[in-house]
Amino acid sequence: MSSEIPLVRAVRADEWRAVKQLRLDALRDPVAHLAFLETYEQAVARPDAFWRGRTERCSADGAAGARQFVAEGADGVWGGSLTVLVEEAGSVDWAGFPVEVRQGHVVGVFVRPEWRGLGVSEGLFRAGVEWAWGMGLERVRLIVHEENLRAQGLYRKVGFRPSGVTVPLQGSGGEASELEFVLGRPSEG
């Protein structure tokens, strides 16, 4: 990576190949088993139509239900990504919990190892949270594995705090769980 500050922007629908590649790279990370519910094998087996649709739904050109942000170097290389999904009040989330307020759910956080420690994560979170507030969401949340201490440190650094909600991991025999971290909407001044 160059020493220039990367551009953080929303993906475009036609960038599905780059979205796919960055996700596959993320799933090869040594802590991917703690950070993602999907495996590399599952992701690489998905057809191109899946990646096109996923990228379109999360793109700047897509509907307002989700947005994926990337950190892009001056050379066009993507160094990281973060996606915010909108969860509507009255719905049920992926884990079966009721959604009580209209909120953002941060997923797919990844920064390439050589880009870490340079403020890229903070830039991605800033863009994602600003988008969420612009959408009128009441809070933003994320779910993090209880053993992923590095990620928990980052989330605290960018203002998220544990809510006290614990999500048991499926297939773990109840031995492992994930923790919900939340960020409340800043009060209007």
C-alpha atoms as a PDB file:
ATOM      1  CA  MET A   1       0.000   0.000   0.000  1.00  0.00           C
ATOM      2  CA  SER A   2       1.181   3.514  -0.720  1.00  0.00           C
ATOM      3  CA  SER A   3       1.451   6.060   2.082  1.00  0.00           C
ATOM      4  CA  GLU A   4      -1.477   8.025   0.647  1.00  0.00           C
ATOM      5  CA  ILE A   5      -4.745   8.037   2.564  1.00  0.00           C
ATOM      6  CA  PRO A   6      -7.162   5.703   0.782  1.00  0.00           C
ATOM      7  CA  LEU A   7     -10.461   6.854  -0.610  1.00  0.00           C
ATOM      8  CA  VAL A   8     -13.446   5.368   1.241  1.00  0.00           C
ATOM      9  CA  ARG A   9     -16.494   5.041  -0.985  1.00  0.00           C
ATOM     10  CA  ALA A  10     -19.553   2.923  -1.688  1.00  0.00           C
ATOM     11  CA  VAL A  11     -19.127   0.096  -4.175  1.00  0.00           C
ATOM     12  CA  ARG A  12     -20.722   0.280  -7.613  1.00  0.00           C
ATOM     13  CA  ALA A  13     -22.930  -2.508  -8.981  1.00  0.00           C
ATOM     14  CA  ASP A  14     -20.476  -3.311 -11.781  1.00  0.00           C
ATOM     15  CA  GLU A  15     -17.663  -4.016  -9.281  1.00  0.00           C
ATOM     16  CA  TRP A  16     -18.974  -7.453  -8.287  1.00  0.00           C
ATOM     17  CA  ARG A  17     -15.747  -9.221  -9.295  1.00  0.00           C
ATOM     18  CA  ALA A  18     -13.700  -7.012  -6.943  1.00  0.00           C
ATOM     19  CA  VAL A  19     -16.301  -7.487  -4.176  1.00  0.00           C
ATOM     20  CA  LYS A  20     -16.054 -11.258  -4.631  1.00  0.00           C
ATOM     21  CA  GLN A  21     -12.237 -11.216  -4.598  1.00  0.00           C
ATOM     22  CA  LEU A  22     -12.018  -9.084  -1.457  1.00  0.00           C
ATOM     23  CA  ARG A  23     -14.494 -11.369   0.329  1.00  0.00           C
ATOM     24  CA  LEU A  24     -12.528 -14.467  -0.675  1.00  0.00           C
ATOM     25  CA  ASP A  25      -9.335 -12.807   0.562  1.00  0.00           C
ATOM     26  CA  ALA A  26     -11.066 -11.950   3.852  1.00  0.00           C
ATOM     27  CA  LEU A  27     -12.152 -15.558   4.293  1.00  0.00           C
ATOM     28  CA  ARG A  28      -8.507 -16.662   3.971  1.00  0.00           C
ATOM     29  CA  ASP A  29      -7.456 -14.424   6.884  1.00  0.00           C
ATOM     30  CA  PRO A  30      -6.096 -16.402   9.867  1.00  0.00           C
ATOM     31  CA  VAL A  31      -8.941 -15.162  12.127  1.00  0.00           C
ATOM     32  CA  ALA A  32     -11.713 -15.595   9.545  1.00  0.00           C
ATOM     33  CA  HIS A  33     -13.202 -18.421  11.633  1.00  0.00           C
ATOM     34  CA  LEU A  34     -13.822 -15.866  14.410  1.00  0.00           C
ATOM     35  CA  ALA A  35     -14.881 -13.001  12.166  1.00  0.00           C
ATOM     36  CA  PHE A  36     -17.228 -14.520   9.588  1.00  0.00           C
ATOM     37  CA  LEU A  37     -20.076 -17.029   9.647  1.00  0.00           C
ATOM     38  CA  GLU A  38     -19.262 -18.076   6.065  1.00  0.00           C
ATOM     39  CA  THR A  39     -16.269 -20.190   5.032  1.00  0.00           C
ATOM     40  CA  TYR A  40     -13.992 -19.738   2.038  1.00  0.00           C
ATOM     41  CA  GLU A  41     -15.287 -23.006   0.587  1.00  0.00           C
ATOM     42  CA  GLN A  42     -18.900 -21.816   0.803  1.00  0.00           C
ATOM     43  CA  ALA A  43     -18.113 -18.441  -0.764  1.00  0.00           C
ATOM     44  CA  VAL A  44     -15.951 -19.696  -3.618  1.00  0.00           C
ATOM     45  CA  ALA A  45     -18.682 -22.168  -4.618  1.00  0.00           C
ATOM     46  CA  ARG A  46     -21.273 -19.406  -5.096  1.00  0.00           C
ATOM     47  CA  PRO A  47     -22.163 -18.608  -8.718  1.00  0.00           C
ATOM     48  CA  ASP A  48     -21.353 -15.257 -10.291  1.00  0.00           C
ATOM     49  CA  ALA A  49     -25.074 -14.381 -10.213  1.00  0.00           C
ATOM     50  CA  PHE A  50     -24.909 -14.422  -6.402  1.00  0.00           C
ATOM     51  CA  TRP A  51     -22.007 -11.951  -6.376  1.00  0.00           C
ATOM     52  CA  ARG A  52     -23.674  -9.690  -8.965  1.00  0.00           C
ATOM     53  CA  GLY A  53     -26.888  -9.565  -6.930  1.00  0.00           C
ATOM     54  CA  ARG A  54     -25.132  -9.056  -3.615  1.00  0.00           C
ATOM     55  CA  THR A  55     -23.034  -6.224  -4.988  1.00  0.00           C
ATOM     56  CA  GLU A  56     -26.001  -4.557  -6.679  1.00  0.00           C
ATOM     57  CA  ARG A  57     -28.051  -4.610  -3.449  1.00  0.00           C
ATOM     58  CA  CYS A  58     -25.206  -3.047  -1.462  1.00  0.00           C
ATOM     59  CA  SER A  59     -24.014  -0.564  -4.077  1.00  0.00           C
ATOM     60  CA  ALA A  60     -24.366   3.179  -4.381  1.00  0.00           C
ATOM     61  CA  ASP A  61     -26.657   2.388  -7.345  1.00  0.00           C
ATOM     62  CA  GLY A  62     -28.835  -0.020  -5.345  1.00  0.00           C
ATOM     63  CA  ALA A  63     -31.754   0.234  -2.978  1.00  0.00           C
ATOM     64  CA  ALA A  64     -31.405   1.901   0.410  1.00  0.00           C
ATOM     65  CA  GLY A  65     -31.477  -1.370   2.380  1.00  0.00           C
ATOM     66  CA  ALA A  66     -27.712  -1.820   2.528  1.00  0.00           C
ATOM     67  CA  ARG A  67     -24.443  -0.161   1.602  1.00  0.00           C
ATOM     68  CA  GLN A  68     -20.955  -1.622   1.212  1.00  0.00           C
ATOM     69  CA  PHE A  69     -17.978   0.676   1.614  1.00  0.00           C
ATOM     70  CA  VAL A  70     -14.420   0.002   0.459  1.00  0.00           C
ATOM     71  CA  ALA A  71     -11.074   1.630   1.111  1.00  0.00           C
ATOM     72  CA  GLU A  72      -9.367   2.155  -2.232  1.00  0.00           C
ATOM     73  CA  GLY A  73      -5.741   3.116  -2.714  1.00  0.00           C
ATOM     74  CA  ALA A  74      -4.532   5.543  -5.379  1.00  0.00           C
ATOM     75  CA  ASP A  75      -3.517   2.479  -7.410  1.00  0.00           C
ATOM     76  CA  GLY A  76      -7.114   1.188  -7.407  1.00  0.00           C
ATOM     77  CA  VAL A  77      -6.373  -1.675  -4.999  1.00  0.00           C
ATOM     78  CA  TRP A  78      -9.021  -2.309  -2.346  1.00  0.00           C
ATOM     79  CA  GLY A  79      -7.593  -2.615   1.152  1.00  0.00           C
ATOM     80  CA  GLY A  80     -10.725  -3.135   3.190  1.00  0.00           C
ATOM     81  CA  SER A  81     -14.474  -3.219   3.348  1.00  0.00           C
ATOM     82  CA  LEU A  82     -17.466  -2.806   5.638  1.00  0.00           C
ATOM     83  CA  THR A  83     -21.183  -3.274   4.936  1.00  0.00           C
ATOM     84  CA  VAL A  84     -24.160  -1.762   6.759  1.00  0.00           C
ATOM     85  CA  LEU A  85     -27.506  -3.553   6.496  1.00  0.00           C
ATOM     86  CA  VAL A  86     -30.745  -1.806   7.459  1.00  0.00           C
ATOM     87  CA  GLU A  87     -32.882  -3.766   9.935  1.00  0.00           C
ATOM     88  CA  GLU A  88     -36.473  -2.578  10.222  1.00  0.00           C
ATOM     89  CA  ALA A  89     -38.269  -2.297  13.566  1.00  0.00           C
ATOM     90  CA  GLY A  90     -40.737  -5.135  14.018  1.00  0.00           C
ATOM     91  CA  SER A  91     -38.671  -7.630  12.000  1.00  0.00           C
ATOM     92  CA  VAL A  92     -36.567 -10.523  13.278  1.00  0.00           C
ATOM     93  CA  ASP A  93     -32.786 -10.561  12.783  1.00  0.00           C
ATOM     94  CA  TRP A  94     -30.638 -13.404  11.406  1.00  0.00           C
ATOM     95  CA  ALA A  95     -30.300 -14.945  14.891  1.00  0.00           C
ATOM     96  CA  GLY A  96     -34.045 -14.898  15.600  1.00  0.00           C
ATOM     97  CA  PHE A  97     -34.023 -11.859  17.883  1.00  0.00           C
ATOM     98  CA  PRO A  98     -36.727  -9.200  17.458  1.00  0.00           C
ATOM     99  CA  VAL A  99     -35.552  -5.880  16.025  1.00  0.00           C
ATOM    100  CA  GLU A 100     -37.005  -3.172  18.266  1.00  0.00           C
ATOM    101  CA  VAL A 101     -35.801  -0.028  16.458  1.00  0.00           C
ATOM    102  CA  ARG A 102     -34.846   0.813  12.881  1.00  0.00           C
ATOM    103  CA  GLN A 103     -31.123   0.200  12.963  1.00  0.00           C
ATOM    104  CA  GLY A 104     -27.994  -0.484  10.994  1.00  0.00           C
ATOM    105  CA  HIS A 105     -26.148  -3.773  11.316  1.00  0.00           C
ATOM    106  CA  VAL A 106     -22.440  -3.670  10.427  1.00  0.00           C
ATOM    107  CA  VAL A 107     -21.183  -6.883   8.786  1.00  0.00           C
ATOM    108  CA  GLY A 108     -18.240  -8.058   6.715  1.00  0.00           C
ATOM    109  CA  VAL A 109     -15.581  -5.875   8.340  1.00  0.00           C
ATOM    110  CA  PHE A 110     -12.186  -6.658   6.837  1.00  0.00           C
ATOM    111  CA  VAL A 111      -8.929  -4.787   6.320  1.00  0.00           C
ATOM    112  CA  ARG A 112      -5.972  -6.421   4.583  1.00  0.00           C
ATOM    113  CA  PRO A 113      -3.075  -7.037   7.007  1.00  0.00           C
ATOM    114  CA  GLU A 114      -0.750  -4.598   5.220  1.00  0.00           C
ATOM    115  CA  TRP A 115      -3.402  -1.851   5.553  1.00  0.00           C
ATOM    116  CA  ARG A 116      -4.000  -2.344   9.290  1.00  0.00           C
ATOM    117  CA  GLY A 117      -2.917   0.292  11.793  1.00  0.00           C
ATOM    118  CA  LEU A 118      -3.201   3.075   9.204  1.00  0.00           C
ATOM    119  CA  GLY A 119      -6.674   4.386  10.064  1.00  0.00           C
ATOM    120  CA  VAL A 120      -8.436   2.432   7.306  1.00  0.00           C
ATOM    121  CA  SER A 121     -10.852   0.728   9.709  1.00  0.00           C
ATOM    122  CA  GLU A 122     -11.761   4.041  11.270  1.00  0.00           C
ATOM    123  CA  GLY A 123     -12.410   5.550   7.829  1.00  0.00           C
ATOM    124  CA  LEU A 124     -14.651   2.639   6.864  1.00  0.00           C
ATOM    125  CA  PHE A 125     -16.611   2.922  10.108  1.00  0.00           C
ATOM    126  CA  ARG A 126     -16.928   6.690   9.713  1.00  0.00           C
ATOM    127  CA  ALA A 127     -18.428   6.256   6.226  1.00  0.00           C
ATOM    128  CA  GLY A 128     -20.747   3.441   7.299  1.00  0.00           C
ATOM    129  CA  VAL A 129     -22.024   5.215  10.393  1.00  0.00           C
ATOM    130  CA  GLU A 130     -22.506   8.521   8.546  1.00  0.00           C
ATOM    131  CA  TRP A 131     -24.558   6.654   5.930  1.00  0.00           C
ATOM    132  CA  ALA A 132     -26.646   5.034   8.685  1.00  0.00           C
ATOM    133  CA  TRP A 133     -27.383   8.372  10.348  1.00  0.00           C
ATOM    134  CA  GLY A 134     -28.216   9.844   6.939  1.00  0.00           C
ATOM    135  CA  MET A 135     -30.747   7.026   6.491  1.00  0.00           C
ATOM    136  CA  GLY A 136     -32.409   8.088   9.755  1.00  0.00           C
ATOM    137  CA  LEU A 137     -31.440   4.933  11.633  1.00  0.00           C
ATOM    138  CA  GLU A 138     -31.743   5.063  15.421  1.00  0.00           C
ATOM    139  CA  ARG A 139     -28.640   3.040  16.233  1.00  0.00           C
ATOM    140  CA  VAL A 140     -25.944   0.928  14.620  1.00  0.00           C
ATOM    141  CA  ARG A 141     -24.927  -2.476  15.908  1.00  0.00           C
ATOM    142  CA  LEU A 142     -22.586  -5.322  15.141  1.00  0.00           C
ATOM    143  CA  ILE A 143     -22.006  -8.819  16.413  1.00  0.00           C
ATOM    144  CA  VAL A 144     -18.493  -9.970  17.357  1.00  0.00           C
ATOM    145  CA  HIS A 145     -17.132 -13.332  18.511  1.00  0.00           C
ATOM    146  CA  GLU A 146     -16.347 -13.334  22.218  1.00  0.00           C
ATOM    147  CA  GLU A 147     -12.773 -14.483  21.466  1.00  0.00           C
ATOM    148  CA  ASN A 148     -12.090 -11.876  18.761  1.00  0.00           C
ATOM    149  CA  LEU A 149     -10.408  -9.410  21.098  1.00  0.00           C
ATOM    150  CA  ARG A 150      -8.635  -7.496  18.321  1.00  0.00           C
ATOM    151  CA  ALA A 151     -11.975  -6.689  16.670  1.00  0.00           C
ATOM    152  CA  GLN A 152     -13.565  -5.815  20.001  1.00  0.00           C
ATOM    153  CA  GLY A 153     -10.745  -3.328  20.630  1.00  0.00           C
ATOM    154  CA  LEU A 154     -11.349  -1.677  17.259  1.00  0.00           C
ATOM    155  CA  TYR A 155     -15.104  -1.475  17.821  1.00  0.00           C
ATOM    156  CA  ARG A 156     -14.586   0.197  21.203  1.00  0.00           C
ATOM    157  CA  LYS A 157     -12.089   2.602  19.611  1.00  0.00           C
ATOM    158  CA  VAL A 158     -14.695   3.748  17.060  1.00  0.00           C
ATOM    159  CA  GLY A 159     -17.361   4.244  19.768  1.00  0.00           C
ATOM    160  CA  PHE A 160     -19.281   0.969  19.970  1.00  0.00           C
ATOM    161  CA  ARG A 161     -20.064  -0.528  23.386  1.00  0.00           C
ATOM    162  CA  PRO A 162     -21.328  -3.953  24.486  1.00  0.00           C
ATOM    163  CA  SER A 163     -25.117  -3.976  24.871  1.00  0.00           C
ATOM    164  CA  GLY A 164     -25.238  -7.038  27.107  1.00  0.00           C
ATOM    165  CA  VAL A 165     -26.939  -9.133  24.391  1.00  0.00           C
ATOM    166  CA  THR A 166     -25.237 -12.479  23.774  1.00  0.00           C
ATOM    167  CA  VAL A 167     -25.897 -14.573  20.661  1.00  0.00           C
ATOM    168  CA  PRO A 168     -25.085 -18.306  20.930  1.00  0.00           C
ATOM    169  CA  LEU A 169     -23.158 -19.590  17.929  1.00  0.00           C
ATOM    170  CA  GLN A 170     -24.998 -22.224  15.962  1.00  0.00           C
ATOM    171  CA  GLY A 171     -23.314 -25.608  15.994  1.00  0.00           C
ATOM    172  CA  SER A 172     -20.990 -24.718  18.876  1.00  0.00           C
ATOM    173  CA  GLY A 173     -22.877 -26.779  21.443  1.00  0.00           C
ATOM    174  CA  GLY A 174     -23.518 -23.598  23.398  1.00  0.00           C
ATOM    175  CA  GLU A 175     -19.812 -23.314  24.188  1.00  0.00           C
ATOM    176  CA  ALA A 176     -19.133 -20.142  22.212  1.00  0.00           C
ATOM    177  CA  SER A 177     -21.104 -17.008  21.643  1.00  0.00           C
ATOM    178  CA  GLU A 178     -21.028 -13.639  19.973  1.00  0.00           C
ATOM    179  CA  LEU A 179     -21.554 -10.284  21.648  1.00  0.00           C
ATOM    180  CA  GLU A 180     -23.640  -7.396  20.393  1.00  0.00           C
ATOM    181  CA  PHE A 181     -21.931  -3.988  20.361  1.00  0.00           C
ATOM    182  CA  VAL A 182     -24.001  -0.851  19.715  1.00  0.00           C
ATOM    183  CA  LEU A 183     -23.519   2.787  18.838  1.00  0.00           C
ATOM    184  CA  GLY A 184     -26.369   5.177  19.594  1.00  0.00           C
ATOM    185  CA  ARG A 185     -27.323   8.023  17.333  1.00  0.00           C
ATOM    186  CA  PRO A 186     -25.698  11.266  18.497  1.00  0.00           C
ATOM    187  CA  SER A 187     -28.168  13.645  20.056  1.00  0.00           C
ATOM    188  CA  GLU A 188     -29.206  16.529  17.846  1.00  0.00           C
ATOM    189  CA  GLY A 189     -27.756  19.638  19.277  1.00  0.00           C
END
